């Protein structure tokens, strides 16, 4: 939990406020959608879709907590109809909720992708453990740097967290290519590929947002870009990614039910 800088303009405060609101709305809507779609996929893919909904539910909860913490940290007022002024209340802004969220949801994101691809059981278990632990380690190593103002310390923890990060990204981009090509239809293969590369693309935004405070930005502007950047990346990595997981599950269910693929 790092102290907030003083001197926020209303535009900076409001951009962050709206970014967090967007996160709540997107994650909450996605959760409802995924769970309503459970009856529309075969039982082979319901576990993956259930996990998808759990991921966005956890994210919704933590975004509500972050939003409330942000709102409580400021007093926003307009005197005599003039411009809004923003002042710190002294209440701490707890951005640690974001890391608790990632620690829970990031491994689940990877596991839901592995489950919906319907790999052999031994490979599914092996990949789930490896990618789940690597992603949890990545998040755990990133947090100590996030709460530091010393740039050298931030860079140190950034470099450490990039080690498991690179392993996961490489596995998604290269290691799962063969499994993607073995999907039961061209549409399923295309959706599996899109899900893999969306994960890679959305994940690549996190290291850059993490280092916003190390590239010349500071104070309220850096905090705004960090919070809005993380919110956009989260929606892509969870809600939009979840839609691809649902689409892949629906496509494979349709193929199985049509008799083109015999379930294992």
C-alpha atoms as a PDB file:
ATOM      1  CA  UNK A   1       0.000   0.000   0.000  1.00  0.00           C
ATOM      2  CA  UNK A   2       1.862   3.072  -1.255  1.00  0.00           C
ATOM      3  CA  UNK A   3       0.769   6.621  -0.263  1.00  0.00           C
ATOM      4  CA  UNK A   4      -1.082   8.584  -2.912  1.00  0.00           C
ATOM      5  CA  UNK A   5       0.540  11.753  -4.255  1.00  0.00           C
ATOM      6  CA  UNK A   6      -1.225  15.049  -3.643  1.00  0.00           C
ATOM      7  CA  UNK A   7      -2.299  17.441  -6.376  1.00  0.00           C
ATOM      8  CA  UNK A   8      -4.778  15.390  -8.426  1.00  0.00           C
ATOM      9  CA  UNK A   9      -6.775  17.368 -10.947  1.00  0.00           C
ATOM     10  CA  UNK A  10     -10.428  16.515 -11.363  1.00  0.00           C
ATOM     11  CA  UNK A  11      -9.683  15.077 -14.827  1.00  0.00           C
ATOM     12  CA  UNK A  12      -7.032  12.700 -13.417  1.00  0.00           C
ATOM     13  CA  UNK A  13      -9.238  11.627 -10.522  1.00  0.00           C
ATOM     14  CA  UNK A  14     -12.253  11.168 -12.775  1.00  0.00           C
ATOM     15  CA  UNK A  15     -10.349   9.137 -15.393  1.00  0.00           C
ATOM     16  CA  UNK A  16      -9.270   6.692 -12.700  1.00  0.00           C
ATOM     17  CA  UNK A  17     -12.774   6.650 -11.193  1.00  0.00           C
ATOM     18  CA  UNK A  18     -14.287   5.815 -14.577  1.00  0.00           C
ATOM     19  CA  UNK A  19     -11.608   3.229 -15.341  1.00  0.00           C
ATOM     20  CA  UNK A  20     -12.395   1.358 -12.131  1.00  0.00           C
ATOM     21  CA  UNK A  21     -16.148   1.675 -12.799  1.00  0.00           C
ATOM     22  CA  UNK A  22     -15.573   0.178 -16.249  1.00  0.00           C
ATOM     23  CA  UNK A  23     -13.748  -2.749 -14.631  1.00  0.00           C
ATOM     24  CA  UNK A  24     -16.673  -3.454 -12.300  1.00  0.00           C
ATOM     25  CA  UNK A  25     -19.271  -3.278 -15.080  1.00  0.00           C
ATOM     26  CA  UNK A  26     -17.292  -5.404 -17.536  1.00  0.00           C
ATOM     27  CA  UNK A  27     -16.369  -8.114 -15.036  1.00  0.00           C
ATOM     28  CA  UNK A  28     -19.823  -8.282 -13.475  1.00  0.00           C
ATOM     29  CA  UNK A  29     -21.609  -8.504 -16.829  1.00  0.00           C
ATOM     30  CA  UNK A  30     -19.182 -11.152 -18.049  1.00  0.00           C
ATOM     31  CA  UNK A  31     -19.772 -13.273 -14.943  1.00  0.00           C
ATOM     32  CA  UNK A  32     -23.534 -13.310 -15.499  1.00  0.00           C
ATOM     33  CA  UNK A  33     -23.113 -14.104 -19.189  1.00  0.00           C
ATOM     34  CA  UNK A  34     -20.695 -17.005 -18.669  1.00  0.00           C
ATOM     35  CA  UNK A  35     -22.821 -18.726 -16.060  1.00  0.00           C
ATOM     36  CA  UNK A  36     -26.008 -18.279 -18.084  1.00  0.00           C
ATOM     37  CA  UNK A  37     -24.236 -20.056 -20.962  1.00  0.00           C
ATOM     38  CA  UNK A  38     -23.355 -23.160 -18.917  1.00  0.00           C
ATOM     39  CA  UNK A  39     -26.390 -25.189 -20.109  1.00  0.00           C
ATOM     40  CA  UNK A  40     -25.483 -24.410 -23.722  1.00  0.00           C
ATOM     41  CA  UNK A  41     -22.178 -26.293 -23.723  1.00  0.00           C
ATOM     42  CA  UNK A  42     -21.572 -30.007 -23.184  1.00  0.00           C
ATOM     43  CA  UNK A  43     -20.384 -31.240 -19.811  1.00  0.00           C
ATOM     44  CA  UNK A  44     -16.853 -31.639 -21.189  1.00  0.00           C
ATOM     45  CA  UNK A  45     -16.481 -27.857 -21.185  1.00  0.00           C
ATOM     46  CA  UNK A  46     -18.640 -26.755 -18.274  1.00  0.00           C
ATOM     47  CA  UNK A  47     -15.743 -26.844 -15.827  1.00  0.00           C
ATOM     48  CA  UNK A  48     -13.737 -24.457 -18.026  1.00  0.00           C
ATOM     49  CA  UNK A  49     -16.704 -22.109 -18.400  1.00  0.00           C
ATOM     50  CA  UNK A  50     -17.450 -22.266 -14.666  1.00  0.00           C
ATOM     51  CA  UNK A  51     -13.849 -21.290 -13.910  1.00  0.00           C
ATOM     52  CA  UNK A  52     -14.169 -18.448 -16.422  1.00  0.00           C
ATOM     53  CA  UNK A  53     -17.117 -17.106 -14.441  1.00  0.00           C
ATOM     54  CA  UNK A  54     -15.260 -17.561 -11.151  1.00  0.00           C
ATOM     55  CA  UNK A  55     -12.343 -15.524 -12.532  1.00  0.00           C
ATOM     56  CA  UNK A  56     -14.568 -12.580 -13.474  1.00  0.00           C
ATOM     57  CA  UNK A  57     -16.529 -12.881 -10.202  1.00  0.00           C
ATOM     58  CA  UNK A  58     -13.307 -12.619  -8.178  1.00  0.00           C
ATOM     59  CA  UNK A  59     -12.260  -9.682 -10.347  1.00  0.00           C
ATOM     60  CA  UNK A  60     -15.639  -7.970  -9.837  1.00  0.00           C
ATOM     61  CA  UNK A  61     -15.293  -8.247  -6.061  1.00  0.00           C
ATOM     62  CA  UNK A  62     -11.772  -6.840  -6.015  1.00  0.00           C
ATOM     63  CA  UNK A  63     -12.639  -4.033  -8.423  1.00  0.00           C
ATOM     64  CA  UNK A  64     -15.457  -2.996  -6.102  1.00  0.00           C
ATOM     65  CA  UNK A  65     -12.973  -2.935  -3.213  1.00  0.00           C
ATOM     66  CA  UNK A  66     -10.433  -0.911  -5.228  1.00  0.00           C
ATOM     67  CA  UNK A  67     -13.186   1.475  -6.382  1.00  0.00           C
ATOM     68  CA  UNK A  68     -14.425   2.008  -2.824  1.00  0.00           C
ATOM     69  CA  UNK A  69     -10.886   2.539  -1.566  1.00  0.00           C
ATOM     70  CA  UNK A  70     -10.265   5.109  -4.312  1.00  0.00           C
ATOM     71  CA  UNK A  71     -13.502   6.962  -3.535  1.00  0.00           C
ATOM     72  CA  UNK A  72     -12.746   7.056   0.200  1.00  0.00           C
ATOM     73  CA  UNK A  73      -9.243   8.424  -0.384  1.00  0.00           C
ATOM     74  CA  UNK A  74     -10.533  11.696  -1.875  1.00  0.00           C
ATOM     75  CA  UNK A  75     -12.980  14.504  -1.305  1.00  0.00           C
ATOM     76  CA  UNK A  76     -14.347  15.963  -4.541  1.00  0.00           C
ATOM     77  CA  UNK A  77     -16.255  19.219  -4.237  1.00  0.00           C
ATOM     78  CA  UNK A  78     -17.398  22.199  -6.286  1.00  0.00           C
ATOM     79  CA  UNK A  79     -17.753  25.571  -4.598  1.00  0.00           C
ATOM     80  CA  UNK A  80     -20.495  27.870  -5.883  1.00  0.00           C
ATOM     81  CA  UNK A  81     -20.797  25.926  -9.134  1.00  0.00           C
ATOM     82  CA  UNK A  82     -17.130  26.380 -10.004  1.00  0.00           C
ATOM     83  CA  UNK A  83     -14.546  23.823 -11.027  1.00  0.00           C
ATOM     84  CA  UNK A  84     -14.316  20.639  -9.012  1.00  0.00           C
ATOM     85  CA  UNK A  85     -11.433  20.391  -6.571  1.00  0.00           C
ATOM     86  CA  UNK A  86      -9.878  17.121  -5.444  1.00  0.00           C
ATOM     87  CA  UNK A  87      -8.269  16.678  -2.043  1.00  0.00           C
ATOM     88  CA  UNK A  88      -6.870  13.697  -0.196  1.00  0.00           C
ATOM     89  CA  UNK A  89      -8.858  12.641   2.867  1.00  0.00           C
ATOM     90  CA  UNK A  90      -5.945  10.856   4.494  1.00  0.00           C
ATOM     91  CA  UNK A  91      -7.607   7.473   4.097  1.00  0.00           C
ATOM     92  CA  UNK A  92      -5.174   4.992   2.495  1.00  0.00           C
ATOM     93  CA  UNK A  93      -5.727   3.754  -1.041  1.00  0.00           C
ATOM     94  CA  UNK A  94      -5.274  -0.017  -0.937  1.00  0.00           C
ATOM     95  CA  UNK A  95      -4.129  -1.160  -4.358  1.00  0.00           C
ATOM     96  CA  UNK A  96      -3.074  -4.475  -2.801  1.00  0.00           C
ATOM     97  CA  UNK A  97      -6.537  -5.776  -3.705  1.00  0.00           C
ATOM     98  CA  UNK A  98      -5.341  -5.873  -7.314  1.00  0.00           C
ATOM     99  CA  UNK A  99      -2.498  -8.233  -6.475  1.00  0.00           C
ATOM    100  CA  UNK A 100      -4.733 -10.495  -4.396  1.00  0.00           C
ATOM    101  CA  UNK A 101      -7.033 -10.639  -7.411  1.00  0.00           C
ATOM    102  CA  UNK A 102      -4.166 -11.524  -9.773  1.00  0.00           C
ATOM    103  CA  UNK A 103      -2.783 -14.150  -7.418  1.00  0.00           C
ATOM    104  CA  UNK A 104      -6.139 -15.937  -7.524  1.00  0.00           C
ATOM    105  CA  UNK A 105      -7.255 -15.311 -11.092  1.00  0.00           C
ATOM    106  CA  UNK A 106      -4.117 -15.477 -13.231  1.00  0.00           C
ATOM    107  CA  UNK A 107      -3.468 -19.204 -12.589  1.00  0.00           C
ATOM    108  CA  UNK A 108      -7.178 -19.897 -13.147  1.00  0.00           C
ATOM    109  CA  UNK A 109      -7.080 -18.069 -16.498  1.00  0.00           C
ATOM    110  CA  UNK A 110      -4.408 -20.417 -17.761  1.00  0.00           C
ATOM    111  CA  UNK A 111      -6.117 -23.499 -16.348  1.00  0.00           C
ATOM    112  CA  UNK A 112      -9.422 -22.654 -18.078  1.00  0.00           C
ATOM    113  CA  UNK A 113      -7.615 -22.361 -21.421  1.00  0.00           C
ATOM    114  CA  UNK A 114      -5.933 -25.733 -20.915  1.00  0.00           C
ATOM    115  CA  UNK A 115      -9.226 -27.356 -19.903  1.00  0.00           C
ATOM    116  CA  UNK A 116     -11.192 -26.060 -22.878  1.00  0.00           C
ATOM    117  CA  UNK A 117      -8.516 -27.305 -25.290  1.00  0.00           C
ATOM    118  CA  UNK A 118      -9.236 -30.819 -23.985  1.00  0.00           C
ATOM    119  CA  UNK A 119      -5.671 -32.111 -23.969  1.00  0.00           C
ATOM    120  CA  UNK A 120      -4.800 -35.618 -22.752  1.00  0.00           C
ATOM    121  CA  UNK A 121      -5.318 -35.863 -18.998  1.00  0.00           C
ATOM    122  CA  UNK A 122      -1.634 -36.235 -18.098  1.00  0.00           C
ATOM    123  CA  UNK A 123      -0.708 -33.209 -20.216  1.00  0.00           C
ATOM    124  CA  UNK A 124      -3.597 -31.205 -18.781  1.00  0.00           C
ATOM    125  CA  UNK A 125      -2.493 -31.863 -15.194  1.00  0.00           C
ATOM    126  CA  UNK A 126       1.178 -31.211 -15.979  1.00  0.00           C
ATOM    127  CA  UNK A 127       0.554 -27.930 -17.796  1.00  0.00           C
ATOM    128  CA  UNK A 128      -1.955 -26.735 -15.210  1.00  0.00           C
ATOM    129  CA  UNK A 129       0.553 -27.165 -12.389  1.00  0.00           C
ATOM    130  CA  UNK A 130       3.481 -25.666 -14.276  1.00  0.00           C
ATOM    131  CA  UNK A 131       1.680 -22.649 -15.689  1.00  0.00           C
ATOM    132  CA  UNK A 132      -0.389 -22.086 -12.544  1.00  0.00           C
ATOM    133  CA  UNK A 133       2.656 -22.044 -10.253  1.00  0.00           C
ATOM    134  CA  UNK A 134       4.730 -19.957 -12.666  1.00  0.00           C
ATOM    135  CA  UNK A 135       1.998 -17.337 -12.992  1.00  0.00           C
ATOM    136  CA  UNK A 136       1.449 -17.188  -9.214  1.00  0.00           C
ATOM    137  CA  UNK A 137       5.204 -16.732  -8.729  1.00  0.00           C
ATOM    138  CA  UNK A 138       5.181 -13.947 -11.308  1.00  0.00           C
ATOM    139  CA  UNK A 139       2.491 -12.034  -9.390  1.00  0.00           C
ATOM    140  CA  UNK A 140       4.145 -12.625  -6.007  1.00  0.00           C
ATOM    141  CA  UNK A 141       7.483 -11.309  -7.266  1.00  0.00           C
ATOM    142  CA  UNK A 142       5.869  -8.222  -8.787  1.00  0.00           C
ATOM    143  CA  UNK A 143       4.156  -6.954  -5.636  1.00  0.00           C
ATOM    144  CA  UNK A 144       7.257  -5.907  -3.604  1.00  0.00           C
ATOM    145  CA  UNK A 145       8.323  -3.640  -6.461  1.00  0.00           C
ATOM    146  CA  UNK A 146       4.843  -2.194  -6.940  1.00  0.00           C
ATOM    147  CA  UNK A 147       4.809  -0.651  -3.468  1.00  0.00           C
ATOM    148  CA  UNK A 148       8.320   0.829  -3.771  1.00  0.00           C
ATOM    149  CA  UNK A 149       9.133   4.400  -4.742  1.00  0.00           C
ATOM    150  CA  UNK A 150      12.831   3.582  -5.203  1.00  0.00           C
ATOM    151  CA  UNK A 151      13.185   3.001  -8.967  1.00  0.00           C
ATOM    152  CA  UNK A 152      16.165   0.658  -8.627  1.00  0.00           C
ATOM    153  CA  UNK A 153      14.122  -1.596  -6.331  1.00  0.00           C
ATOM    154  CA  UNK A 154      11.177  -1.526  -8.762  1.00  0.00           C
ATOM    155  CA  UNK A 155      13.468  -2.554 -11.613  1.00  0.00           C
ATOM    156  CA  UNK A 156      14.939  -5.379  -9.512  1.00  0.00           C
ATOM    157  CA  UNK A 157      11.554  -6.947  -8.746  1.00  0.00           C
ATOM    158  CA  UNK A 158      10.363  -6.294 -12.301  1.00  0.00           C
ATOM    159  CA  UNK A 159      13.301  -8.313 -13.650  1.00  0.00           C
ATOM    160  CA  UNK A 160      12.640 -11.169 -11.237  1.00  0.00           C
ATOM    161  CA  UNK A 161       8.933 -11.343 -12.098  1.00  0.00           C
ATOM    162  CA  UNK A 162       9.763 -11.358 -15.812  1.00  0.00           C
ATOM    163  CA  UNK A 163      11.473 -14.776 -15.493  1.00  0.00           C
ATOM    164  CA  UNK A 164       8.253 -16.774 -14.857  1.00  0.00           C
ATOM    165  CA  UNK A 165       6.408 -14.300 -17.102  1.00  0.00           C
ATOM    166  CA  UNK A 166       8.591 -15.190 -20.085  1.00  0.00           C
ATOM    167  CA  UNK A 167       8.166 -18.916 -19.407  1.00  0.00           C
ATOM    168  CA  UNK A 168       4.361 -18.638 -19.423  1.00  0.00           C
ATOM    169  CA  UNK A 169       4.262 -16.435 -22.525  1.00  0.00           C
ATOM    170  CA  UNK A 170       6.620 -18.780 -24.397  1.00  0.00           C
ATOM    171  CA  UNK A 171       4.473 -21.789 -23.465  1.00  0.00           C
ATOM    172  CA  UNK A 172       1.323 -20.039 -24.690  1.00  0.00           C
ATOM    173  CA  UNK A 173       2.858 -18.783 -27.913  1.00  0.00           C
ATOM    174  CA  UNK A 174       4.932 -21.837 -28.845  1.00  0.00           C
ATOM    175  CA  UNK A 175       4.287 -24.762 -26.518  1.00  0.00           C
ATOM    176  CA  UNK A 176       0.546 -24.969 -27.219  1.00  0.00           C
ATOM    177  CA  UNK A 177       0.814 -24.486 -30.991  1.00  0.00           C
ATOM    178  CA  UNK A 178       0.607 -28.216 -31.744  1.00  0.00           C
ATOM    179  CA  UNK A 179      -2.393 -28.707 -29.461  1.00  0.00           C
ATOM    180  CA  UNK A 180      -4.126 -25.793 -31.179  1.00  0.00           C
ATOM    181  CA  UNK A 181      -3.670 -27.378 -34.593  1.00  0.00           C
ATOM    182  CA  UNK A 182      -5.363 -30.560 -33.346  1.00  0.00           C
ATOM    183  CA  UNK A 183      -8.647 -28.870 -32.471  1.00  0.00           C
ATOM    184  CA  UNK A 184     -11.695 -30.596 -34.024  1.00  0.00           C
ATOM    185  CA  UNK A 185     -12.607 -27.891 -36.543  1.00  0.00           C
ATOM    186  CA  UNK A 186     -10.961 -24.924 -38.278  1.00  0.00           C
ATOM    187  CA  UNK A 187     -13.183 -22.566 -36.279  1.00  0.00           C
ATOM    188  CA  UNK A 188     -12.135 -24.196 -32.992  1.00  0.00           C
ATOM    189  CA  UNK A 189      -8.466 -24.016 -33.966  1.00  0.00           C
ATOM    190  CA  UNK A 190      -8.866 -20.351 -34.863  1.00  0.00           C
ATOM    191  CA  UNK A 191     -10.577 -19.561 -31.545  1.00  0.00           C
ATOM    192  CA  UNK A 192      -7.951 -21.472 -29.546  1.00  0.00           C
ATOM    193  CA  UNK A 193      -5.216 -19.567 -31.351  1.00  0.00           C
ATOM    194  CA  UNK A 194      -6.985 -16.249 -30.728  1.00  0.00           C
ATOM    195  CA  UNK A 195      -7.337 -17.044 -27.010  1.00  0.00           C
ATOM    196  CA  UNK A 196      -3.636 -17.879 -26.740  1.00  0.00           C
ATOM    197  CA  UNK A 197      -2.503 -14.743 -28.514  1.00  0.00           C
ATOM    198  CA  UNK A 198      -4.979 -12.483 -26.729  1.00  0.00           C
ATOM    199  CA  UNK A 199      -3.488 -13.739 -23.458  1.00  0.00           C
ATOM    200  CA  UNK A 200       0.013 -13.015 -24.709  1.00  0.00           C
ATOM    201  CA  UNK A 201      -0.979  -9.558 -25.991  1.00  0.00           C
ATOM    202  CA  UNK A 202      -2.889  -8.536 -22.854  1.00  0.00           C
ATOM    203  CA  UNK A 203      -0.148  -9.860 -20.587  1.00  0.00           C
ATOM    204  CA  UNK A 204       2.480  -7.838 -22.446  1.00  0.00           C
ATOM    205  CA  UNK A 205       0.720  -4.644 -21.357  1.00  0.00           C
ATOM    206  CA  UNK A 206       1.244  -5.366 -17.647  1.00  0.00           C
ATOM    207  CA  UNK A 207       5.063  -5.026 -17.538  1.00  0.00           C
ATOM    208  CA  UNK A 208       4.838  -1.687 -19.346  1.00  0.00           C
ATOM    209  CA  UNK A 209       2.129  -0.334 -17.056  1.00  0.00           C
ATOM    210  CA  UNK A 210       4.151  -1.578 -14.071  1.00  0.00           C
ATOM    211  CA  UNK A 211       7.087   0.613 -15.149  1.00  0.00           C
ATOM    212  CA  UNK A 212       5.070   3.786 -15.820  1.00  0.00           C
ATOM    213  CA  UNK A 213       6.627   5.368 -12.734  1.00  0.00           C
ATOM    214  CA  UNK A 214      10.118   4.576 -14.026  1.00  0.00           C
ATOM    215  CA  UNK A 215       9.969   6.352 -17.385  1.00  0.00           C
ATOM    216  CA  UNK A 216       9.689   9.980 -16.379  1.00  0.00           C
ATOM    217  CA  UNK A 217       6.101  10.035 -15.146  1.00  0.00           C
ATOM    218  CA  UNK A 218       5.392  10.752 -11.504  1.00  0.00           C
ATOM    219  CA  UNK A 219       2.722  11.998  -9.169  1.00  0.00           C
ATOM    220  CA  UNK A 220      -0.991  11.983 -10.038  1.00  0.00           C
ATOM    221  CA  UNK A 221      -0.442  11.441 -13.793  1.00  0.00           C
ATOM    222  CA  UNK A 222       1.564   8.256 -13.179  1.00  0.00           C
ATOM    223  CA  UNK A 223      -1.068   6.939 -10.757  1.00  0.00           C
ATOM    224  CA  UNK A 224      -3.856   7.656 -13.261  1.00  0.00           C
ATOM    225  CA  UNK A 225      -2.080   5.931 -16.163  1.00  0.00           C
ATOM    226  CA  UNK A 226      -1.227   2.976 -13.947  1.00  0.00           C
ATOM    227  CA  UNK A 227      -4.770   2.435 -12.670  1.00  0.00           C
ATOM    228  CA  UNK A 228      -6.460   2.964 -16.053  1.00  0.00           C
ATOM    229  CA  UNK A 229      -3.855   0.815 -17.821  1.00  0.00           C
ATOM    230  CA  UNK A 230      -4.298  -2.064 -15.406  1.00  0.00           C
ATOM    231  CA  UNK A 231      -8.092  -1.816 -15.683  1.00  0.00           C
ATOM    232  CA  UNK A 232      -8.033  -2.042 -19.489  1.00  0.00           C
ATOM    233  CA  UNK A 233      -5.535  -4.913 -19.415  1.00  0.00           C
ATOM    234  CA  UNK A 234      -7.644  -6.798 -16.853  1.00  0.00           C
ATOM    235  CA  UNK A 235     -10.809  -6.502 -18.924  1.00  0.00           C
ATOM    236  CA  UNK A 236      -8.981  -7.832 -21.983  1.00  0.00           C
ATOM    237  CA  UNK A 237      -7.269 -10.640 -20.074  1.00  0.00           C
ATOM    238  CA  UNK A 238     -10.390 -11.790 -18.205  1.00  0.00           C
ATOM    239  CA  UNK A 239     -13.686 -10.659 -19.715  1.00  0.00           C
ATOM    240  CA  UNK A 240     -12.697 -10.602 -23.407  1.00  0.00           C
ATOM    241  CA  UNK A 241     -10.554 -13.717 -22.991  1.00  0.00           C
ATOM    242  CA  UNK A 242     -13.513 -15.394 -21.290  1.00  0.00           C
ATOM    243  CA  UNK A 243     -15.727 -14.656 -24.283  1.00  0.00           C
ATOM    244  CA  UNK A 244     -13.227 -16.506 -26.479  1.00  0.00           C
ATOM    245  CA  UNK A 245     -13.224 -19.436 -24.040  1.00  0.00           C
ATOM    246  CA  UNK A 246     -17.026 -19.525 -24.206  1.00  0.00           C
ATOM    247  CA  UNK A 247     -16.976 -19.341 -28.021  1.00  0.00           C
ATOM    248  CA  UNK A 248     -14.434 -22.179 -28.184  1.00  0.00           C
ATOM    249  CA  UNK A 249     -16.478 -24.303 -25.776  1.00  0.00           C
ATOM    250  CA  UNK A 250     -19.648 -23.636 -27.769  1.00  0.00           C
ATOM    251  CA  UNK A 251     -17.963 -24.509 -31.073  1.00  0.00           C
ATOM    252  CA  UNK A 252     -16.496 -27.758 -29.768  1.00  0.00           C
ATOM    253  CA  UNK A 253     -19.821 -28.671 -28.153  1.00  0.00           C
ATOM    254  CA  UNK A 254     -21.586 -28.148 -31.480  1.00  0.00           C
ATOM    255  CA  UNK A 255     -19.033 -30.331 -33.264  1.00  0.00           C
ATOM    256  CA  UNK A 256     -19.375 -33.119 -30.703  1.00  0.00           C
ATOM    257  CA  UNK A 257     -23.159 -32.999 -30.749  1.00  0.00           C
ATOM    258  CA  UNK A 258     -23.230 -33.137 -34.513  1.00  0.00           C
ATOM    259  CA  UNK A 259     -21.312 -36.401 -34.401  1.00  0.00           C
ATOM    260  CA  UNK A 260     -18.229 -35.060 -36.157  1.00  0.00           C
ATOM    261  CA  UNK A 261     -16.138 -35.721 -33.078  1.00  0.00           C
ATOM    262  CA  UNK A 262     -16.533 -38.645 -30.730  1.00  0.00           C
ATOM    263  CA  UNK A 263     -15.954 -37.587 -27.101  1.00  0.00           C
ATOM    264  CA  UNK A 264     -13.112 -39.342 -25.352  1.00  0.00           C
END
